[in-house]
Amino acid sequence: MNRIIAGCAGVAFAMLSSLAAAQSWPNKPIRYIVPFAAGGTTDILARTISEKLTVALGQPVIVENKPGAGGGVGAAEVAKAPPDGYTIMGGTISTHAINATLYSSLPYDPVKDFVAITLIARVPNMLVVNNDIPAKNVAELIALMKANPGKWNFASSGNGTSQHLSGELLREWRTCRCSTFRTRAARRR
């Protein structure tokens, strides 16, 4: 993971440094908006990259967390910022794809209001449980959930996030409401 972060930070550094060489940019601090609460993957990546960029660009890159609405609050703030390179954001599938399908109107256009700089990371969702839960695989977890309905909860980084939708898919699978969601073995038949 450290190699991935370092490599992605290097790419972001190279791209932003080329901008700096072409202009007098940056001549003031840069805001790096994280559209989620502190401590998540988007925040960790932003803080790692911002340290490297601060050194490379000679200006502070200040991380600000603006959580809410599946990343929509932070994304809206960045969309309204002057397009001068002093406000950047760690966009995610939530801010640029999921929100557009969940909300009838957004205070930003995920395509027109943003310009991609670089891919920082690919972060898959993982299903994890406490070690005290007697399930060691998905089949055992589903059996446990079916045997104890209403007892289980899951955590996500907010409504409309990929973690939230993954949890809802698991709920659908557990209750067998989704006939197209099959195991890998069933697809081979």
N, C-alpha and C. Protein backbone atom coordinates (compact mmCIF):
# COMPACT_ATOMS: atom_id res chain seq x y z
N MET A 1 0.83 -1.19 0.00
CA MET A 1 0.00 0.00 0.00
C MET A 1 0.88 1.26 0.00
N ASN A 2 1.97 1.23 0.78
CA ASN A 2 2.86 2.39 0.81
C ASN A 2 3.45 2.67 -0.56
N ARG A 3 3.79 1.62 -1.32
CA ARG A 3 4.32 1.82 -2.66
C ARG A 3 3.28 2.46 -3.57
N ILE A 4 2.04 2.01 -3.44
CA ILE A 4 0.97 2.58 -4.26
C ILE A 4 0.79 4.05 -3.93
N ILE A 5 0.72 4.38 -2.66
CA ILE A 5 0.56 5.78 -2.25
C ILE A 5 1.73 6.61 -2.72
N ALA A 6 2.94 6.10 -2.55
CA ALA A 6 4.13 6.84 -2.97
C ALA A 6 4.13 7.04 -4.47
N GLY A 7 3.76 6.02 -5.22
CA GLY A 7 3.71 6.14 -6.67
C GLY A 7 2.67 7.15 -7.13
N CYS A 8 1.50 7.08 -6.52
CA CYS A 8 0.43 8.02 -6.87
C CYS A 8 0.80 9.44 -6.47
N ALA A 9 1.41 9.58 -5.32
CA ALA A 9 1.86 10.91 -4.89
C ALA A 9 2.90 11.44 -5.86
N GLY A 10 3.75 10.56 -6.36
CA GLY A 10 4.76 10.98 -7.33
C GLY A 10 4.13 11.47 -8.62
N VAL A 11 3.10 10.77 -9.09
CA VAL A 11 2.41 11.19 -10.32
C VAL A 11 1.73 12.54 -10.10
N ALA A 12 1.02 12.68 -8.98
CA ALA A 12 0.36 13.95 -8.68
C ALA A 12 1.39 15.07 -8.55
N PHE A 13 2.48 14.77 -7.88
CA PHE A 13 3.56 15.74 -7.72
C PHE A 13 4.10 16.18 -9.08
N ALA A 14 4.35 15.23 -9.97
CA ALA A 14 4.90 15.55 -11.28
C ALA A 14 3.94 16.42 -12.09
N MET A 15 2.66 16.08 -12.04
CA MET A 15 1.67 16.85 -12.81
C MET A 15 1.53 18.27 -12.25
N LEU A 16 1.42 18.39 -10.94
CA LEU A 16 1.25 19.72 -10.35
C LEU A 16 2.54 20.52 -10.46
N SER A 17 3.69 19.87 -10.38
CA SER A 17 4.96 20.57 -10.53
C SER A 17 5.12 21.15 -11.93
N SER A 18 4.63 20.41 -12.94
CA SER A 18 4.72 20.93 -14.30
C SER A 18 3.85 22.16 -14.45
N LEU A 19 2.72 22.19 -13.78
CA LEU A 19 1.88 23.40 -13.76
C LEU A 19 2.63 24.55 -13.11
N ALA A 20 3.30 24.26 -12.01
CA ALA A 20 4.02 25.30 -11.28
C ALA A 20 5.15 25.87 -12.13
N ALA A 21 5.84 25.03 -12.87
CA ALA A 21 6.94 25.49 -13.69
C ALA A 21 6.46 26.37 -14.84
N ALA A 22 5.25 26.10 -15.32
CA ALA A 22 4.73 26.85 -16.46
C ALA A 22 4.18 28.22 -16.07
N GLN A 23 3.93 28.44 -14.83
CA GLN A 23 3.32 29.69 -14.37
C GLN A 23 3.98 30.13 -13.06
N SER A 24 3.44 31.19 -12.51
CA SER A 24 3.91 31.61 -11.20
C SER A 24 3.14 30.89 -10.10
N TRP A 25 2.33 29.94 -10.48
CA TRP A 25 1.56 29.13 -9.54
C TRP A 25 2.49 28.12 -8.90
N PRO A 26 2.37 27.86 -7.65
CA PRO A 26 1.50 28.48 -6.67
C PRO A 26 2.21 29.60 -5.92
N ASN A 27 1.48 30.62 -5.61
CA ASN A 27 2.06 31.71 -4.82
C ASN A 27 1.26 31.96 -3.55
N LYS A 28 0.42 30.98 -3.21
CA LYS A 28 -0.32 31.01 -1.94
C LYS A 28 -0.72 29.58 -1.60
N PRO A 29 -1.22 29.33 -0.40
CA PRO A 29 -1.59 27.97 0.00
C PRO A 29 -2.67 27.37 -0.90
N ILE A 30 -2.64 26.06 -1.01
CA ILE A 30 -3.60 25.30 -1.80
C ILE A 30 -4.52 24.54 -0.85
N ARG A 31 -5.80 24.60 -1.10
CA ARG A 31 -6.79 23.85 -0.31
C ARG A 31 -7.03 22.50 -0.97
N TYR A 32 -6.91 21.44 -0.21
CA TYR A 32 -7.19 20.09 -0.69
C TYR A 32 -8.43 19.63 0.07
N ILE A 33 -9.57 19.65 -0.61
CA ILE A 33 -10.84 19.29 0.02
C ILE A 33 -11.02 17.78 -0.01
N VAL A 34 -11.30 17.21 1.15
CA VAL A 34 -11.68 15.81 1.26
C VAL A 34 -13.18 15.83 1.55
N PRO A 35 -14.00 15.29 0.64
CA PRO A 35 -15.44 15.39 0.83
C PRO A 35 -16.03 14.36 1.80
N PHE A 36 -15.22 13.88 2.71
CA PHE A 36 -15.65 12.91 3.71
C PHE A 36 -15.00 13.24 5.05
N ALA A 37 -15.46 12.58 6.09
CA ALA A 37 -14.91 12.80 7.43
C ALA A 37 -13.46 12.34 7.51
N ALA A 38 -12.75 12.86 8.48
CA ALA A 38 -11.35 12.49 8.70
C ALA A 38 -11.23 11.02 9.06
N GLY A 39 -10.13 10.41 8.63
CA GLY A 39 -9.81 9.04 9.02
C GLY A 39 -10.09 7.99 7.97
N GLY A 40 -10.83 8.32 6.93
CA GLY A 40 -11.12 7.36 5.87
C GLY A 40 -10.01 7.33 4.83
N THR A 41 -10.17 6.48 3.85
CA THR A 41 -9.16 6.31 2.81
C THR A 41 -8.89 7.60 2.05
N THR A 42 -9.94 8.32 1.68
CA THR A 42 -9.76 9.56 0.92
C THR A 42 -8.96 10.57 1.74
N ASP A 43 -9.22 10.63 3.03
CA ASP A 43 -8.51 11.54 3.92
C ASP A 43 -7.04 11.11 4.08
N ILE A 44 -6.80 9.83 4.28
CA ILE A 44 -5.43 9.34 4.46
C ILE A 44 -4.60 9.62 3.20
N LEU A 45 -5.17 9.35 2.04
CA LEU A 45 -4.46 9.63 0.78
C LEU A 45 -4.18 11.12 0.65
N ALA A 46 -5.16 11.96 0.95
CA ALA A 46 -4.98 13.41 0.83
C ALA A 46 -3.86 13.90 1.74
N ARG A 47 -3.83 13.42 2.96
CA ARG A 47 -2.81 13.88 3.91
C ARG A 47 -1.41 13.40 3.50
N THR A 48 -1.32 12.21 2.96
CA THR A 48 -0.03 11.70 2.50
C THR A 48 0.46 12.52 1.31
N ILE A 49 -0.41 12.75 0.35
CA ILE A 49 -0.04 13.51 -0.84
C ILE A 49 0.23 14.97 -0.51
N SER A 50 -0.57 15.55 0.37
CA SER A 50 -0.39 16.98 0.68
C SER A 50 0.97 17.26 1.30
N GLU A 51 1.48 16.32 2.10
CA GLU A 51 2.82 16.52 2.69
C GLU A 51 3.88 16.60 1.60
N LYS A 52 3.80 15.70 0.63
CA LYS A 52 4.78 15.68 -0.47
C LYS A 52 4.63 16.92 -1.35
N LEU A 53 3.39 17.31 -1.62
CA LEU A 53 3.16 18.48 -2.47
C LEU A 53 3.62 19.77 -1.78
N THR A 54 3.42 19.87 -0.49
CA THR A 54 3.87 21.05 0.26
C THR A 54 5.37 21.25 0.08
N VAL A 55 6.13 20.18 0.21
CA VAL A 55 7.58 20.25 0.05
C VAL A 55 7.93 20.59 -1.41
N ALA A 56 7.31 19.89 -2.33
CA ALA A 56 7.66 20.05 -3.75
C ALA A 56 7.26 21.42 -4.31
N LEU A 57 6.12 21.94 -3.88
CA LEU A 57 5.62 23.19 -4.45
C LEU A 57 6.04 24.43 -3.67
N GLY A 58 6.54 24.24 -2.46
CA GLY A 58 6.96 25.38 -1.66
C GLY A 58 5.81 26.20 -1.10
N GLN A 59 4.64 25.64 -1.12
CA GLN A 59 3.45 26.28 -0.54
C GLN A 59 2.70 25.23 0.27
N PRO A 60 2.06 25.65 1.34
CA PRO A 60 1.28 24.69 2.12
C PRO A 60 0.11 24.14 1.32
N VAL A 61 -0.10 22.83 1.40
CA VAL A 61 -1.28 22.19 0.84
C VAL A 61 -2.09 21.75 2.06
N ILE A 62 -3.18 22.45 2.30
CA ILE A 62 -3.95 22.29 3.53
C ILE A 62 -5.16 21.41 3.27
N VAL A 63 -5.25 20.30 4.00
CA VAL A 63 -6.36 19.37 3.86
C VAL A 63 -7.52 19.85 4.71
N GLU A 64 -8.69 19.96 4.09
CA GLU A 64 -9.92 20.34 4.79
C GLU A 64 -10.97 19.27 4.54
N ASN A 65 -11.55 18.75 5.60
CA ASN A 65 -12.62 17.77 5.48
C ASN A 65 -13.96 18.49 5.42
N LYS A 66 -14.74 18.19 4.38
CA LYS A 66 -16.07 18.78 4.18
C LYS A 66 -17.04 17.63 3.92
N PRO A 67 -17.40 16.87 4.97
CA PRO A 67 -18.25 15.70 4.77
C PRO A 67 -19.72 16.06 4.60
N GLY A 68 -20.44 15.11 4.05
CA GLY A 68 -21.89 15.22 3.94
C GLY A 68 -22.40 14.85 2.57
N ALA A 69 -23.58 14.25 2.54
CA ALA A 69 -24.28 13.91 1.30
C ALA A 69 -23.44 13.03 0.38
N GLY A 70 -22.79 12.02 0.94
CA GLY A 70 -22.00 11.11 0.12
C GLY A 70 -20.89 11.82 -0.63
N GLY A 71 -20.32 12.85 -0.02
CA GLY A 71 -19.26 13.63 -0.65
C GLY A 71 -19.77 14.84 -1.40
N GLY A 72 -21.08 14.98 -1.49
CA GLY A 72 -21.68 16.08 -2.25
C GLY A 72 -21.42 17.46 -1.67
N VAL A 73 -21.32 17.58 -0.37
CA VAL A 73 -21.07 18.89 0.26
C VAL A 73 -19.69 19.42 -0.15
N GLY A 74 -18.68 18.57 -0.02
CA GLY A 74 -17.33 18.98 -0.41
C GLY A 74 -17.20 19.21 -1.90
N ALA A 75 -17.82 18.35 -2.70
CA ALA A 75 -17.75 18.49 -4.15
C ALA A 75 -18.40 19.80 -4.59
N ALA A 76 -19.52 20.16 -3.98
CA ALA A 76 -20.20 21.41 -4.33
C ALA A 76 -19.32 22.61 -4.00
N GLU A 77 -18.62 22.54 -2.88
CA GLU A 77 -17.73 23.64 -2.51
C GLU A 77 -16.58 23.80 -3.51
N VAL A 78 -16.02 22.69 -3.94
CA VAL A 78 -14.94 22.75 -4.92
C VAL A 78 -15.46 23.25 -6.27
N ALA A 79 -16.64 22.82 -6.65
CA ALA A 79 -17.23 23.26 -7.93
C ALA A 79 -17.44 24.76 -7.96
N LYS A 80 -17.74 25.35 -6.81
CA LYS A 80 -18.00 26.80 -6.73
C LYS A 80 -16.72 27.62 -6.57
N ALA A 81 -15.61 26.96 -6.28
CA ALA A 81 -14.33 27.67 -6.07
C ALA A 81 -13.82 28.21 -7.40
N PRO A 82 -13.08 29.31 -7.36
CA PRO A 82 -12.49 29.83 -8.61
C PRO A 82 -11.60 28.76 -9.26
N PRO A 83 -11.66 28.61 -10.57
CA PRO A 83 -10.84 27.59 -11.26
C PRO A 83 -9.40 28.04 -11.45
N ASP A 84 -8.72 28.30 -10.33
CA ASP A 84 -7.37 28.85 -10.38
C ASP A 84 -6.29 27.89 -9.89
N GLY A 85 -6.67 26.65 -9.58
CA GLY A 85 -5.69 25.67 -9.12
C GLY A 85 -5.39 25.73 -7.64
N TYR A 86 -6.10 26.57 -6.91
CA TYR A 86 -5.84 26.69 -5.47
C TYR A 86 -6.84 25.91 -4.62
N THR A 87 -7.79 25.25 -5.26
CA THR A 87 -8.71 24.37 -4.55
C THR A 87 -8.78 23.08 -5.35
N ILE A 88 -8.33 21.98 -4.72
CA ILE A 88 -8.37 20.67 -5.36
C ILE A 88 -9.16 19.73 -4.46
N MET A 89 -9.54 18.58 -5.00
CA MET A 89 -10.35 17.65 -4.23
C MET A 89 -9.98 16.22 -4.57
N GLY A 90 -10.11 15.35 -3.60
CA GLY A 90 -10.00 13.91 -3.83
C GLY A 90 -11.38 13.40 -4.20
N GLY A 91 -11.66 13.34 -5.49
CA GLY A 91 -12.95 12.85 -5.95
C GLY A 91 -13.03 11.33 -5.83
N THR A 92 -14.24 10.84 -5.71
CA THR A 92 -14.46 9.40 -5.56
C THR A 92 -15.61 8.96 -6.44
N ILE A 93 -15.88 7.67 -6.45
CA ILE A 93 -17.02 7.16 -7.19
C ILE A 93 -18.32 7.77 -6.65
N SER A 94 -18.35 8.06 -5.37
CA SER A 94 -19.54 8.67 -4.78
C SER A 94 -19.78 10.07 -5.32
N THR A 95 -18.73 10.90 -5.32
CA THR A 95 -18.89 12.30 -5.73
C THR A 95 -19.13 12.45 -7.22
N HIS A 96 -18.60 11.53 -8.02
CA HIS A 96 -18.65 11.73 -9.46
C HIS A 96 -19.47 10.71 -10.23
N ALA A 97 -20.06 9.72 -9.58
CA ALA A 97 -20.91 8.76 -10.28
C ALA A 97 -22.16 8.44 -9.48
N ILE A 98 -22.00 7.96 -8.27
CA ILE A 98 -23.15 7.51 -7.49
C ILE A 98 -24.12 8.65 -7.19
N ASN A 99 -23.59 9.79 -6.73
CA ASN A 99 -24.48 10.91 -6.39
C ASN A 99 -25.34 11.34 -7.57
N ALA A 100 -24.79 11.28 -8.77
CA ALA A 100 -25.55 11.69 -9.96
C ALA A 100 -26.73 10.76 -10.22
N THR A 101 -26.64 9.53 -9.74
CA THR A 101 -27.76 8.60 -9.93
C THR A 101 -28.72 8.58 -8.74
N LEU A 102 -28.26 9.00 -7.58
CA LEU A 102 -29.11 8.97 -6.39
C LEU A 102 -29.94 10.23 -6.19
N TYR A 103 -29.41 11.37 -6.59
CA TYR A 103 -30.08 12.64 -6.34
C TYR A 103 -30.64 13.21 -7.64
N SER A 104 -31.86 13.71 -7.56
CA SER A 104 -32.49 14.26 -8.77
C SER A 104 -31.79 15.53 -9.23
N SER A 105 -31.20 16.26 -8.32
CA SER A 105 -30.41 17.42 -8.72
C SER A 105 -29.24 17.57 -7.75
N LEU A 106 -28.12 17.95 -8.28
CA LEU A 106 -26.92 18.18 -7.49
C LEU A 106 -26.52 19.64 -7.60
N PRO A 107 -25.86 20.19 -6.58
CA PRO A 107 -25.40 21.58 -6.68
C PRO A 107 -24.11 21.70 -7.51
N TYR A 108 -23.77 20.66 -8.23
CA TYR A 108 -22.58 20.65 -9.09
C TYR A 108 -22.81 19.66 -10.22
N ASP A 109 -22.07 19.83 -11.30
CA ASP A 109 -22.11 18.88 -12.40
C ASP A 109 -20.82 18.06 -12.33
N PRO A 110 -20.94 16.75 -12.07
CA PRO A 110 -19.74 15.94 -11.88
C PRO A 110 -18.83 15.86 -13.12
N VAL A 111 -19.33 16.21 -14.27
CA VAL A 111 -18.52 16.18 -15.48
C VAL A 111 -18.00 17.57 -15.84
N LYS A 112 -18.89 18.55 -15.90
CA LYS A 112 -18.53 19.89 -16.37
C LYS A 112 -17.77 20.73 -15.35
N ASP A 113 -17.98 20.49 -14.07
CA ASP A 113 -17.39 21.35 -13.03
C ASP A 113 -16.01 20.93 -12.56
N PHE A 114 -15.47 19.83 -13.10
CA PHE A 114 -14.19 19.31 -12.62
C PHE A 114 -13.28 18.92 -13.76
N VAL A 115 -11.99 18.99 -13.52
CA VAL A 115 -10.98 18.50 -14.46
C VAL A 115 -10.12 17.51 -13.68
N ALA A 116 -10.02 16.30 -14.19
CA ALA A 116 -9.20 15.28 -13.52
C ALA A 116 -7.72 15.62 -13.66
N ILE A 117 -6.98 15.48 -12.57
CA ILE A 117 -5.53 15.69 -12.59
C ILE A 117 -4.83 14.35 -12.73
N THR A 118 -5.18 13.42 -11.86
CA THR A 118 -4.54 12.10 -11.90
C THR A 118 -5.34 11.11 -11.07
N LEU A 119 -5.17 9.85 -11.35
CA LEU A 119 -5.72 8.79 -10.52
C LEU A 119 -4.76 8.60 -9.35
N ILE A 120 -5.26 8.75 -8.15
CA ILE A 120 -4.42 8.61 -6.96
C ILE A 120 -4.36 7.17 -6.51
N ALA A 121 -5.50 6.49 -6.48
CA ALA A 121 -5.53 5.11 -6.00
C ALA A 121 -6.81 4.43 -6.44
N ARG A 122 -6.75 3.13 -6.45
CA ARG A 122 -7.94 2.29 -6.63
C ARG A 122 -8.12 1.56 -5.32
N VAL A 123 -9.25 1.76 -4.72
CA VAL A 123 -9.47 1.21 -3.38
C VAL A 123 -10.73 0.35 -3.40
N PRO A 124 -10.56 -0.97 -3.35
CA PRO A 124 -11.73 -1.85 -3.34
C PRO A 124 -12.42 -1.82 -1.98
N ASN A 125 -13.70 -2.13 -1.98
CA ASN A 125 -14.41 -2.30 -0.72
C ASN A 125 -14.13 -3.71 -0.21
N MET A 126 -14.06 -3.83 1.11
CA MET A 126 -13.82 -5.13 1.72
C MET A 126 -14.89 -5.38 2.76
N LEU A 127 -15.31 -6.62 2.84
CA LEU A 127 -16.25 -7.03 3.86
C LEU A 127 -15.43 -7.61 5.01
N VAL A 128 -15.52 -6.99 6.18
CA VAL A 128 -14.80 -7.47 7.35
C VAL A 128 -15.77 -7.58 8.52
N VAL A 129 -15.48 -8.49 9.42
CA VAL A 129 -16.28 -8.66 10.63
C VAL A 129 -15.34 -8.76 11.83
N ASN A 130 -15.90 -8.52 12.98
CA ASN A 130 -15.17 -8.67 14.22
C ASN A 130 -14.74 -10.12 14.39
N ASN A 131 -13.55 -10.35 14.94
CA ASN A 131 -13.06 -11.72 15.15
C ASN A 131 -13.96 -12.56 16.04
N ASP A 132 -14.76 -11.92 16.90
CA ASP A 132 -15.64 -12.66 17.80
C ASP A 132 -16.87 -13.22 17.09
N ILE A 133 -17.13 -12.77 15.88
CA ILE A 133 -18.28 -13.28 15.13
C ILE A 133 -17.89 -14.63 14.53
N PRO A 134 -18.69 -15.65 14.76
CA PRO A 134 -18.31 -17.00 14.32
C PRO A 134 -18.56 -17.26 12.83
N ALA A 135 -18.18 -16.32 12.00
CA ALA A 135 -18.29 -16.50 10.54
C ALA A 135 -16.91 -16.27 9.94
N LYS A 136 -16.45 -17.20 9.17
CA LYS A 136 -15.11 -17.10 8.57
C LYS A 136 -15.16 -16.91 7.06
N ASN A 137 -16.37 -16.87 6.49
CA ASN A 137 -16.53 -16.59 5.06
C ASN A 137 -17.92 -15.99 4.84
N VAL A 138 -18.19 -15.58 3.63
CA VAL A 138 -19.46 -14.90 3.33
C VAL A 138 -20.65 -15.82 3.54
N ALA A 139 -20.54 -17.08 3.13
CA ALA A 139 -21.65 -18.02 3.30
C ALA A 139 -22.01 -18.19 4.77
N GLU A 140 -20.99 -18.32 5.62
CA GLU A 140 -21.25 -18.45 7.06
C GLU A 140 -21.86 -17.18 7.63
N LEU A 141 -21.41 -16.01 7.16
CA LEU A 141 -21.97 -14.75 7.63
C LEU A 141 -23.44 -14.63 7.25
N ILE A 142 -23.76 -14.98 6.02
CA ILE A 142 -25.16 -14.90 5.57
C ILE A 142 -26.03 -15.86 6.36
N ALA A 143 -25.53 -17.06 6.60
CA ALA A 143 -26.28 -18.03 7.41
C ALA A 143 -26.52 -17.49 8.82
N LEU A 144 -25.51 -16.86 9.40
CA LEU A 144 -25.63 -16.28 10.73
C LEU A 144 -26.66 -15.13 10.73
N MET A 145 -26.61 -14.31 9.69
CA MET A 145 -27.57 -13.19 9.61
C MET A 145 -29.00 -13.70 9.42
N LYS A 146 -29.16 -14.74 8.63
CA LYS A 146 -30.51 -15.31 8.42
C LYS A 146 -31.03 -15.95 9.71
N ALA A 147 -30.15 -16.54 10.49
CA ALA A 147 -30.55 -17.19 11.74
C ALA A 147 -30.88 -16.17 12.83
N ASN A 148 -30.40 -14.94 12.69
CA ASN A 148 -30.61 -13.89 13.69
C ASN A 148 -31.07 -12.60 13.02
N PRO A 149 -32.27 -12.61 12.40
CA PRO A 149 -32.72 -11.42 11.67
C PRO A 149 -32.91 -10.22 12.60
N GLY A 150 -32.56 -9.05 12.08
CA GLY A 150 -32.73 -7.82 12.84
C GLY A 150 -31.62 -7.52 13.83
N LYS A 151 -30.68 -8.42 13.98
CA LYS A 151 -29.61 -8.25 14.97
C LYS A 151 -28.40 -7.50 14.40
N TRP A 152 -28.25 -7.46 13.09
CA TRP A 152 -27.01 -7.03 12.47
C TRP A 152 -27.08 -5.62 11.89
N ASN A 153 -25.97 -4.92 11.98
CA ASN A 153 -25.81 -3.58 11.41
C ASN A 153 -24.52 -3.55 10.62
N PHE A 154 -24.39 -2.56 9.76
CA PHE A 154 -23.11 -2.36 9.08
C PHE A 154 -22.79 -0.88 9.08
N ALA A 155 -21.52 -0.59 8.96
CA ALA A 155 -21.06 0.79 8.96
C ALA A 155 -20.60 1.18 7.56
N SER A 156 -20.77 2.44 7.23
CA SER A 156 -20.28 2.97 5.96
C SER A 156 -19.86 4.41 6.19
N SER A 157 -19.27 5.01 5.18
CA SER A 157 -18.85 6.41 5.32
C SER A 157 -19.96 7.38 4.97
N GLY A 158 -21.18 6.89 4.78
CA GLY A 158 -22.31 7.78 4.56
C GLY A 158 -23.27 7.25 3.52
N ASN A 159 -24.47 7.79 3.54
CA ASN A 159 -25.49 7.39 2.57
C ASN A 159 -25.02 7.70 1.15
N GLY A 160 -25.22 6.74 0.27
CA GLY A 160 -24.85 6.92 -1.11
C GLY A 160 -23.40 6.63 -1.44
N THR A 161 -22.61 6.24 -0.46
CA THR A 161 -21.22 5.91 -0.73
C THR A 161 -21.13 4.47 -1.23
N SER A 162 -20.01 4.11 -1.80
CA SER A 162 -19.87 2.74 -2.30
C SER A 162 -19.98 1.73 -1.17
N GLN A 163 -19.50 2.09 0.03
CA GLN A 163 -19.62 1.19 1.17
C GLN A 163 -21.09 0.97 1.54
N HIS A 164 -21.87 2.04 1.52
CA HIS A 164 -23.29 1.94 1.81
C HIS A 164 -23.99 1.04 0.79
N LEU A 165 -23.72 1.26 -0.48
CA LEU A 165 -24.36 0.46 -1.52
C LEU A 165 -23.90 -0.99 -1.47
N SER A 166 -22.65 -1.23 -1.12
CA SER A 166 -22.16 -2.61 -0.95
C SER A 166 -22.90 -3.30 0.18
N GLY A 167 -23.12 -2.59 1.27
CA GLY A 167 -23.88 -3.14 2.39
C GLY A 167 -25.31 -3.45 2.00
N GLU A 168 -25.91 -2.60 1.20
CA GLU A 168 -27.28 -2.85 0.73
C GLU A 168 -27.32 -4.05 -0.21
N LEU A 169 -26.30 -4.21 -1.04
CA LEU A 169 -26.24 -5.41 -1.89
C LEU A 169 -26.16 -6.67 -1.04
N LEU A 170 -25.36 -6.64 0.01
CA LEU A 170 -25.26 -7.79 0.90
C LEU A 170 -26.61 -8.07 1.56
N ARG A 171 -27.30 -7.02 1.96
CA ARG A 171 -28.63 -7.19 2.57
C ARG A 171 -29.57 -7.85 1.57
N GLU A 172 -29.54 -7.40 0.32
CA GLU A 172 -30.39 -7.99 -0.70
C GLU A 172 -30.04 -9.46 -0.92
N TRP A 173 -28.75 -9.74 -0.96
CA TRP A 173 -28.30 -11.12 -1.16
C TRP A 173 -28.75 -11.99 0.01
N ARG A 174 -28.58 -11.46 1.23
CA ARG A 174 -28.94 -12.21 2.43
C ARG A 174 -30.42 -12.56 2.45
N THR A 175 -31.24 -11.65 1.98
CA THR A 175 -32.69 -11.90 2.03
C THR A 175 -33.19 -12.54 0.75
N CYS A 176 -32.28 -12.85 -0.17
CA CYS A 176 -32.59 -13.53 -1.42
C CYS A 176 -33.60 -12.76 -2.27
N ARG A 177 -33.60 -11.44 -2.16
CA ARG A 177 -34.48 -10.63 -3.00
C ARG A 177 -33.86 -10.38 -4.37
N CYS A 178 -32.58 -10.61 -4.49
CA CYS A 178 -31.88 -10.29 -5.74
C CYS A 178 -31.47 -11.58 -6.42
N SER A 179 -32.25 -12.04 -7.38
CA SER A 179 -31.97 -13.32 -8.01
C SER A 179 -30.77 -13.29 -8.94
N THR A 180 -30.32 -12.11 -9.36
CA THR A 180 -29.18 -12.04 -10.27
C THR A 180 -27.84 -12.02 -9.54
N PHE A 181 -27.85 -11.89 -8.23
CA PHE A 181 -26.61 -11.85 -7.45
C PHE A 181 -26.30 -13.26 -7.01
N ARG A 182 -25.42 -13.96 -7.73
CA ARG A 182 -25.13 -15.36 -7.45
C ARG A 182 -23.67 -15.53 -7.07
N THR A 183 -23.38 -16.66 -6.52
CA THR A 183 -21.99 -16.95 -6.17
C THR A 183 -21.20 -17.29 -7.43
N ARG A 184 -19.91 -17.22 -7.35
CA ARG A 184 -19.04 -17.52 -8.49
C ARG A 184 -19.27 -18.96 -8.95
N ALA A 185 -19.46 -19.90 -8.05
CA ALA A 185 -19.68 -21.31 -8.42
C ALA A 185 -20.97 -21.45 -9.23
N ALA A 186 -22.00 -20.73 -8.86
CA ALA A 186 -23.28 -20.83 -9.58
C ALA A 186 -23.14 -20.26 -11.00
N ARG A 187 -22.31 -19.27 -11.20
CA ARG A 187 -22.14 -18.70 -12.54
C ARG A 187 -21.41 -19.64 -13.48
N ARG A 188 -20.58 -20.55 -12.94
CA ARG A 188 -19.82 -21.47 -13.78
C ARG A 188 -20.69 -22.56 -14.36
N ARG A 189 -21.83 -22.84 -13.76
CA ARG A 189 -22.70 -23.93 -14.22
C ARG A 189 -23.36 -23.62 -15.51
